[in-house]
PDB file of N, CA and C in Angstrom:
ATOM      1  N   MET A   1     -22.132   3.864  -2.067  1.00  0.00           N
ATOM      2  CA  MET A   1     -21.220   4.391  -2.947  1.00  0.00           C
ATOM      3  C   MET A   1     -21.684   3.396  -4.113  1.00  0.00           C
ATOM      4  N   ASP A   2     -21.529   3.685  -5.283  1.00  0.00           N
ATOM      5  CA  ASP A   2     -21.723   3.018  -6.453  1.00  0.00           C
ATOM      6  C   ASP A   2     -20.419   2.873  -7.220  1.00  0.00           C
ATOM      7  N   LEU A   3     -20.209   1.338  -7.935  1.00  0.00           N
ATOM      8  CA  LEU A   3     -19.361   1.086  -8.153  1.00  0.00           C
ATOM      9  C   LEU A   3     -19.844   0.557  -9.948  1.00  0.00           C
ATOM     10  N   LYS A   4     -19.299   1.169 -10.623  1.00  0.00           N
ATOM     11  CA  LYS A   4     -19.574   0.979 -12.180  1.00  0.00           C
ATOM     12  C   LYS A   4     -18.819   0.299 -12.782  1.00  0.00           C
ATOM     13  N   PHE A   5     -19.135  -0.944 -13.446  1.00  0.00           N
ATOM     14  CA  PHE A   5     -18.952  -1.975 -13.707  1.00  0.00           C
ATOM     15  C   PHE A   5     -18.383  -1.341 -16.022  1.00  0.00           C
ATOM     16  N   SER A   6     -17.799  -1.762 -16.300  1.00  0.00           N
ATOM     17  CA  SER A   6     -17.689  -1.689 -17.819  1.00  0.00           C
ATOM     18  C   SER A   6     -18.585  -2.238 -18.590  1.00  0.00           C
ATOM     19  N   SER A   7     -19.083  -3.315 -17.986  1.00  0.00           N
ATOM     20  CA  SER A   7     -20.671  -4.016 -18.239  1.00  0.00           C
ATOM     21  C   SER A   7     -21.441  -3.069 -18.053  1.00  0.00           C
ATOM     22  N   ARG A   8     -21.649  -1.875 -17.598  1.00  0.00           N
ATOM     23  CA  ARG A   8     -22.670  -1.135 -17.643  1.00  0.00           C
ATOM     24  C   ARG A   8     -23.536  -1.188 -16.233  1.00  0.00           C
ATOM     25  N   ASN A   9     -23.444  -2.487 -15.237  1.00  0.00           N
ATOM     26  CA  ASN A   9     -24.394  -2.769 -14.457  1.00  0.00           C
ATOM     27  C   ASN A   9     -23.232  -2.244 -13.632  1.00  0.00           C
ATOM     28  N   LEU A  10     -23.877  -1.440 -12.410  1.00  0.00           N
ATOM     29  CA  LEU A  10     -24.028  -0.913 -11.331  1.00  0.00           C
ATOM     30  C   LEU A  10     -24.456  -1.842 -10.143  1.00  0.00           C
ATOM     31  N   LEU A  11     -23.333  -1.521  -9.020  1.00  0.00           N
ATOM     32  CA  LEU A  11     -23.102  -2.349  -7.640  1.00  0.00           C
ATOM     33  C   LEU A  11     -22.992  -1.498  -6.715  1.00  0.00           C
ATOM     34  N   LYS A  12     -24.270  -1.212  -5.902  1.00  0.00           N
ATOM     35  CA  LYS A  12     -24.926  -0.240  -5.033  1.00  0.00           C
ATOM     36  C   LYS A  12     -23.923  -0.641  -3.379  1.00  0.00           C
ATOM     37  N   LEU A  13     -22.864  -0.159  -3.214  1.00  0.00           N
ATOM     38  CA  LEU A  13     -22.193  -0.734  -1.642  1.00  0.00           C
ATOM     39  C   LEU A  13     -22.565   0.191  -0.195  1.00  0.00           C
ATOM     40  N   ASN A  14     -23.413  -0.312   0.719  1.00  0.00           N
ATOM     41  CA  ASN A  14     -23.364   0.442   1.777  1.00  0.00           C
ATOM     42  C   ASN A  14     -22.618   0.270   2.954  1.00  0.00           C
ATOM     43  N   TYR A  15     -22.439   1.168   3.738  1.00  0.00           N
ATOM     44  CA  TYR A  15     -21.722   0.362   5.256  1.00  0.00           C
ATOM     45  C   TYR A  15     -20.634   0.896   4.990  1.00  0.00           C
ATOM     46  N   ILE A  16     -20.069   1.453   4.120  1.00  0.00           N
ATOM     47  CA  ILE A  16     -18.260   1.742   3.460  1.00  0.00           C
ATOM     48  C   ILE A  16     -17.771   2.701   4.944  1.00  0.00           C
ATOM     49  N   LEU A  17     -16.159   2.880   4.864  1.00  0.00           N
ATOM     50  CA  LEU A  17     -15.334   3.432   5.539  1.00  0.00           C
ATOM     51  C   LEU A  17     -14.579   4.410   4.153  1.00  0.00           C
ATOM     52  N   PHE A  18     -14.529   5.951   4.924  1.00  0.00           N
ATOM     53  CA  PHE A  18     -13.984   6.159   3.636  1.00  0.00           C
ATOM     54  C   PHE A  18     -12.678   6.329   4.152  1.00  0.00           C
ATOM     55  N   VAL A  19     -11.249   6.830   3.284  1.00  0.00           N
ATOM     56  CA  VAL A  19     -10.265   6.784   3.975  1.00  0.00           C
ATOM     57  C   VAL A  19      -9.347   7.908   2.862  1.00  0.00           C
ATOM     58  N   PRO A  20      -9.674   9.087   3.188  1.00  0.00           N
ATOM     59  CA  PRO A  20      -9.419   9.868   2.483  1.00  0.00           C
ATOM     60  C   PRO A  20      -7.921  10.032   1.909  1.00  0.00           C
ATOM     61  N   ASN A  21      -6.576   9.282   2.684  1.00  0.00           N
ATOM     62  CA  ASN A  21      -5.216   9.579   1.811  1.00  0.00           C
ATOM     63  C   ASN A  21      -5.092   8.437   1.004  1.00  0.00           C
ATOM     64  N   ILE A  22      -6.439   7.079   0.636  1.00  0.00           N
ATOM     65  CA  ILE A  22      -5.782   6.054   0.341  1.00  0.00           C
ATOM     66  C   ILE A  22      -6.665   6.408  -1.747  1.00  0.00           C
ATOM     67  N   ARG A  23      -5.070   5.343  -2.279  1.00  0.00           N
ATOM     68  CA  ARG A  23      -5.192   6.098  -4.050  1.00  0.00           C
ATOM     69  C   ARG A  23      -5.922   5.622  -4.611  1.00  0.00           C
ATOM     70  N   ASN A  24      -6.703   4.034  -3.926  1.00  0.00           N
ATOM     71  CA  ASN A  24      -7.456   2.943  -4.861  1.00  0.00           C
ATOM     72  C   ASN A  24      -8.606   2.651  -4.109  1.00  0.00           C
ATOM     73  N   ASN A  25      -9.821   2.647  -4.616  1.00  0.00           N
ATOM     74  CA  ASN A  25     -11.012   1.602  -3.907  1.00  0.00           C
ATOM     75  C   ASN A  25     -10.631   0.631  -3.844  1.00  0.00           C
ATOM     76  N   LEU A  26     -11.264   0.303  -2.167  1.00  0.00           N
ATOM     77  CA  LEU A  26     -10.592  -1.752  -2.065  1.00  0.00           C
ATOM     78  C   LEU A  26     -12.095  -2.452  -1.780  1.00  0.00           C
ATOM     79  N   VAL A  27     -12.154  -3.174  -1.512  1.00  0.00           N
ATOM     80  CA  VAL A  27     -13.229  -3.833  -1.731  1.00  0.00           C
ATOM     81  C   VAL A  27     -13.277  -5.214  -1.237  1.00  0.00           C
ATOM     82  N   SER A  28     -13.458  -5.862  -0.057  1.00  0.00           N
ATOM     83  CA  SER A  28     -13.281  -6.951   0.685  1.00  0.00           C
ATOM     84  C   SER A  28     -14.041  -8.087   0.197  1.00  0.00           C
ATOM     85  N   ARG A  29     -13.256  -9.447  -0.824  1.00  0.00           N
ATOM     86  CA  ARG A  29     -13.776 -10.233  -0.858  1.00  0.00           C
ATOM     87  C   ARG A  29     -14.484 -11.294  -0.043  1.00  0.00           C
ATOM     88  N   SER A  30     -14.204 -11.101   0.762  1.00  0.00           N
ATOM     89  CA  SER A  30     -14.732 -11.801   2.532  1.00  0.00           C
ATOM     90  C   SER A  30     -16.285 -11.207   2.606  1.00  0.00           C
ATOM     91  N   VAL A  31     -16.249 -10.084   2.273  1.00  0.00           N
ATOM     92  CA  VAL A  31     -17.566  -9.247   2.675  1.00  0.00           C
ATOM     93  C   VAL A  31     -18.464  -9.552   1.709  1.00  0.00           C
ATOM     94  N   LEU A  32     -18.159  -9.539   0.331  1.00  0.00           N
ATOM     95  CA  LEU A  32     -18.853 -10.110  -1.223  1.00  0.00           C
ATOM     96  C   LEU A  32     -19.549 -11.192  -0.844  1.00  0.00           C
ATOM     97  N   ASN A  33     -18.706 -12.462  -0.311  1.00  0.00           N
ATOM     98  CA  ASN A  33     -18.901 -13.673  -0.101  1.00  0.00           C
ATOM     99  C   ASN A  33     -20.429 -13.495   0.951  1.00  0.00           C
ATOM    100  N   LYS A  34     -20.316 -12.971   1.975  1.00  0.00           N
ATOM    101  CA  LYS A  34     -21.461 -12.635   3.026  1.00  0.00           C
ATOM    102  C   LYS A  34     -22.521 -12.125   1.880  1.00  0.00           C
ATOM    103  N   LEU A  35     -22.633 -11.573   1.467  1.00  0.00           N
ATOM    104  CA  LEU A  35     -23.968 -10.738   0.647  1.00  0.00           C
ATOM    105  C   LEU A  35     -24.269 -11.705  -0.932  1.00  0.00           C
ATOM    106  N   GLY A  36     -23.718 -12.820  -0.686  1.00  0.00           N
ATOM    107  CA  GLY A  36     -24.212 -13.707  -2.379  1.00  0.00           C
ATOM    108  C   GLY A  36     -22.832 -13.507  -3.246  1.00  0.00           C
ATOM    109  N   PHE A  37     -22.334 -12.736  -3.235  1.00  0.00           N
ATOM    110  CA  PHE A  37     -21.489 -13.230  -4.472  1.00  0.00           C
ATOM    111  C   PHE A  37     -20.225 -13.825  -4.832  1.00  0.00           C
ATOM    112  N   LYS A  38     -20.140 -14.102  -6.359  1.00  0.00           N
ATOM    113  CA  LYS A  38     -19.312 -15.491  -6.622  1.00  0.00           C
ATOM    114  C   LYS A  38     -18.289 -14.517  -7.265  1.00  0.00           C
ATOM    115  N   LYS A  39     -17.175 -15.100  -7.386  1.00  0.00           N
ATOM    116  CA  LYS A  39     -16.127 -14.387  -8.040  1.00  0.00           C
ATOM    117  C   LYS A  39     -15.187 -15.503  -8.944  1.00  0.00           C
ATOM    118  N   VAL A  40     -15.179 -15.340  -9.993  1.00  0.00           N
ATOM    119  CA  VAL A  40     -14.200 -16.697 -10.370  1.00  0.00           C
ATOM    120  C   VAL A  40     -13.099 -16.041 -10.888  1.00  0.00           C
ATOM    121  N   PHE A  41     -11.467 -16.565 -10.608  1.00  0.00           N
ATOM    122  CA  PHE A  41      -9.917 -15.953 -10.489  1.00  0.00           C
ATOM    123  C   PHE A  41     -10.075 -16.869 -11.807  1.00  0.00           C
ATOM    124  N   GLU A  42      -9.591 -16.424 -12.883  1.00  0.00           N
ATOM    125  CA  GLU A  42      -8.510 -17.554 -14.051  1.00  0.00           C
ATOM    126  C   GLU A  42      -7.520 -16.577 -14.903  1.00  0.00           C
ATOM    127  N   ARG A  43      -6.467 -17.129 -14.086  1.00  0.00           N
ATOM    128  CA  ARG A  43      -4.964 -16.419 -14.621  1.00  0.00           C
ATOM    129  C   ARG A  43      -5.352 -14.966 -14.211  1.00  0.00           C
ATOM    130  N   ASP A  44      -5.169 -13.874 -15.339  1.00  0.00           N
ATOM    131  CA  ASP A  44      -5.368 -12.779 -15.048  1.00  0.00           C
ATOM    132  C   ASP A  44      -6.279 -12.018 -15.274  1.00  0.00           C
ATOM    133  N   LYS A  45      -7.312 -12.674 -14.913  1.00  0.00           N
ATOM    134  CA  LYS A  45      -9.042 -11.966 -15.057  1.00  0.00           C
ATOM    135  C   LYS A  45      -9.658 -12.588 -14.008  1.00  0.00           C
ATOM    136  N   TYR A  46     -11.045 -12.028 -13.535  1.00  0.00           N
ATOM    137  CA  TYR A  46     -12.548 -12.317 -12.702  1.00  0.00           C
ATOM    138  C   TYR A  46     -13.069 -11.890 -13.311  1.00  0.00           C
ATOM    139  N   VAL A  47     -14.330 -12.765 -12.512  1.00  0.00           N
ATOM    140  CA  VAL A  47     -15.414 -12.535 -13.197  1.00  0.00           C
ATOM    141  C   VAL A  47     -16.604 -12.433 -11.662  1.00  0.00           C
ATOM    142  N   LEU A  48     -17.296 -11.560 -11.641  1.00  0.00           N
ATOM    143  CA  LEU A  48     -18.377 -11.270 -10.434  1.00  0.00           C
ATOM    144  C   LEU A  48     -19.704 -11.505 -11.185  1.00  0.00           C
ATOM    145  N   SER A  49     -20.134 -12.103 -10.253  1.00  0.00           N
ATOM    146  CA  SER A  49     -21.753 -12.772 -10.276  1.00  0.00           C
ATOM    147  C   SER A  49     -22.147 -12.536  -9.158  1.00  0.00           C
ATOM    148  N   TRP A  50     -24.264 -12.338  -9.113  1.00  0.00           N
ATOM    149  CA  TRP A  50     -24.637 -12.416  -7.742  1.00  0.00           C
ATOM    150  C   TRP A  50     -25.643 -13.636  -8.364  1.00  0.00           C
ATOM    151  N   TYR A  51     -25.904 -14.688  -7.564  1.00  0.00           N
ATOM    152  CA  TYR A  51     -26.567 -15.370  -7.785  1.00  0.00           C
ATOM    153  C   TYR A  51     -27.356 -16.050  -9.556  1.00  0.00           C
ATOM    154  N   GLY A  52     -26.259 -16.259 -10.037  1.00  0.00           N
ATOM    155  CA  GLY A  52     -25.917 -16.349 -11.347  1.00  0.00           C
ATOM    156  C   GLY A  52     -26.158 -15.217 -12.475  1.00  0.00           C
ATOM    157  N   VAL A  53     -26.587 -14.033 -11.566  1.00  0.00           N
ATOM    158  CA  VAL A  53     -26.639 -12.844 -12.793  1.00  0.00           C
ATOM    159  C   VAL A  53     -24.748 -12.070 -13.075  1.00  0.00           C
ATOM    160  N   PHE A  54     -24.359 -12.043 -13.934  1.00  0.00           N
ATOM    161  CA  PHE A  54     -23.168 -11.699 -14.655  1.00  0.00           C
ATOM    162  C   PHE A  54     -23.430  -9.833 -14.009  1.00  0.00           C
ATOM    163  N   ILE A  55     -22.494  -9.784 -13.052  1.00  0.00           N
ATOM    164  CA  ILE A  55     -22.242  -8.203 -12.822  1.00  0.00           C
ATOM    165  C   ILE A  55     -20.870  -7.460 -13.522  1.00  0.00           C
ATOM    166  N   GLY A  56     -19.364  -8.116 -13.744  1.00  0.00           N
ATOM    167  CA  GLY A  56     -19.025  -7.045 -14.389  1.00  0.00           C
ATOM    168  C   GLY A  56     -17.612  -8.587 -13.875  1.00  0.00           C
ATOM    169  N   PHE A  57     -16.517  -7.945 -14.594  1.00  0.00           N
ATOM    170  CA  PHE A  57     -15.037  -8.580 -14.463  1.00  0.00           C
ATOM    171  C   PHE A  57     -14.333  -7.367 -14.406  1.00  0.00           C
ATOM    172  N   GLY A  58     -13.163  -8.090 -14.353  1.00  0.00           N
ATOM    173  CA  GLY A  58     -11.377  -6.958 -14.191  1.00  0.00           C
ATOM    174  C   GLY A  58     -10.482  -7.888 -14.520  1.00  0.00           C
ATOM    175  N   TYR A  59      -9.005  -7.220 -14.372  1.00  0.00           N
ATOM    176  CA  TYR A  59      -8.108  -8.079 -14.882  1.00  0.00           C
ATOM    177  C   TYR A  59      -6.912  -7.380 -13.378  1.00  0.00           C
ATOM    178  N   TYR A  60      -5.892  -8.003 -13.503  1.00  0.00           N
ATOM    179  CA  TYR A  60      -4.919  -8.458 -12.560  1.00  0.00           C
ATOM    180  C   TYR A  60      -4.245  -7.572 -13.079  1.00  0.00           C
ATOM    181  N   ASN A  61      -3.822  -6.096 -12.171  1.00  0.00           N
ATOM    182  CA  ASN A  61      -3.236  -4.748 -12.731  1.00  0.00           C
ATOM    183  C   ASN A  61      -2.364  -4.056 -11.809  1.00  0.00           C
ATOM    184  N   SER A  62      -1.235  -4.297 -12.112  1.00  0.00           N
ATOM    185  CA  SER A  62      -0.214  -3.670 -10.370  1.00  0.00           C
ATOM    186  C   SER A  62      -0.507  -3.976  -9.186  1.00  0.00           C
ATOM    187  N   ARG A  63      -0.079  -5.153  -9.393  1.00  0.00           N
ATOM    188  CA  ARG A  63      -0.170  -5.863  -7.636  1.00  0.00           C
ATOM    189  C   ARG A  63      -1.700  -6.411  -7.234  1.00  0.00           C
ATOM    190  N   MET A  64      -2.657  -6.133  -7.691  1.00  0.00           N
ATOM    191  CA  MET A  64      -4.232  -6.237  -7.926  1.00  0.00           C
ATOM    192  C   MET A  64      -5.192  -6.291  -8.835  1.00  0.00           C
ATOM    193  N   PHE A  65      -6.568  -6.998  -8.200  1.00  0.00           N
ATOM    194  CA  PHE A  65      -7.192  -6.952  -9.397  1.00  0.00           C
ATOM    195  C   PHE A  65      -8.103  -5.724  -9.402  1.00  0.00           C
ATOM    196  N   SER A  66      -8.255  -5.286 -10.998  1.00  0.00           N
ATOM    197  CA  SER A  66      -9.477  -3.624 -10.841  1.00  0.00           C
ATOM    198  C   SER A  66     -10.225  -4.319 -12.023  1.00  0.00           C
ATOM    199  N   ASP A  67     -11.063  -3.144 -12.152  1.00  0.00           N
ATOM    200  CA  ASP A  67     -12.296  -3.679 -12.294  1.00  0.00           C
ATOM    201  C   ASP A  67     -12.196  -2.574 -13.814  1.00  0.00           C
ATOM    202  N   GLY A  68     -12.846  -3.021 -15.080  1.00  0.00           N
ATOM    203  CA  GLY A  68     -12.682  -1.893 -16.365  1.00  0.00           C
ATOM    204  C   GLY A  68     -13.460  -0.875 -16.673  1.00  0.00           C
ATOM    205  N   PHE A  69     -13.376   0.195 -15.432  1.00  0.00           N
ATOM    206  CA  PHE A  69     -13.977   1.525 -15.147  1.00  0.00           C
ATOM    207  C   PHE A  69     -13.769   1.901 -16.196  1.00  0.00           C
TER     208      PHE A  69
END
């Protein structure tokens, strides 16, 4: 599965689970941690990076953080 960020960066996810009736894509923070991603949360915004390389950002929206796709 490919996650496309508003920064035009693309994050390819492998070994995903498909849930047909779910309304939003969910990504596990702990899985991202194990893969070396860094997440910085500040107020209603977060920034995602991988070994110092900016990947994307998102905002808090309706009880969850979402990417600006």
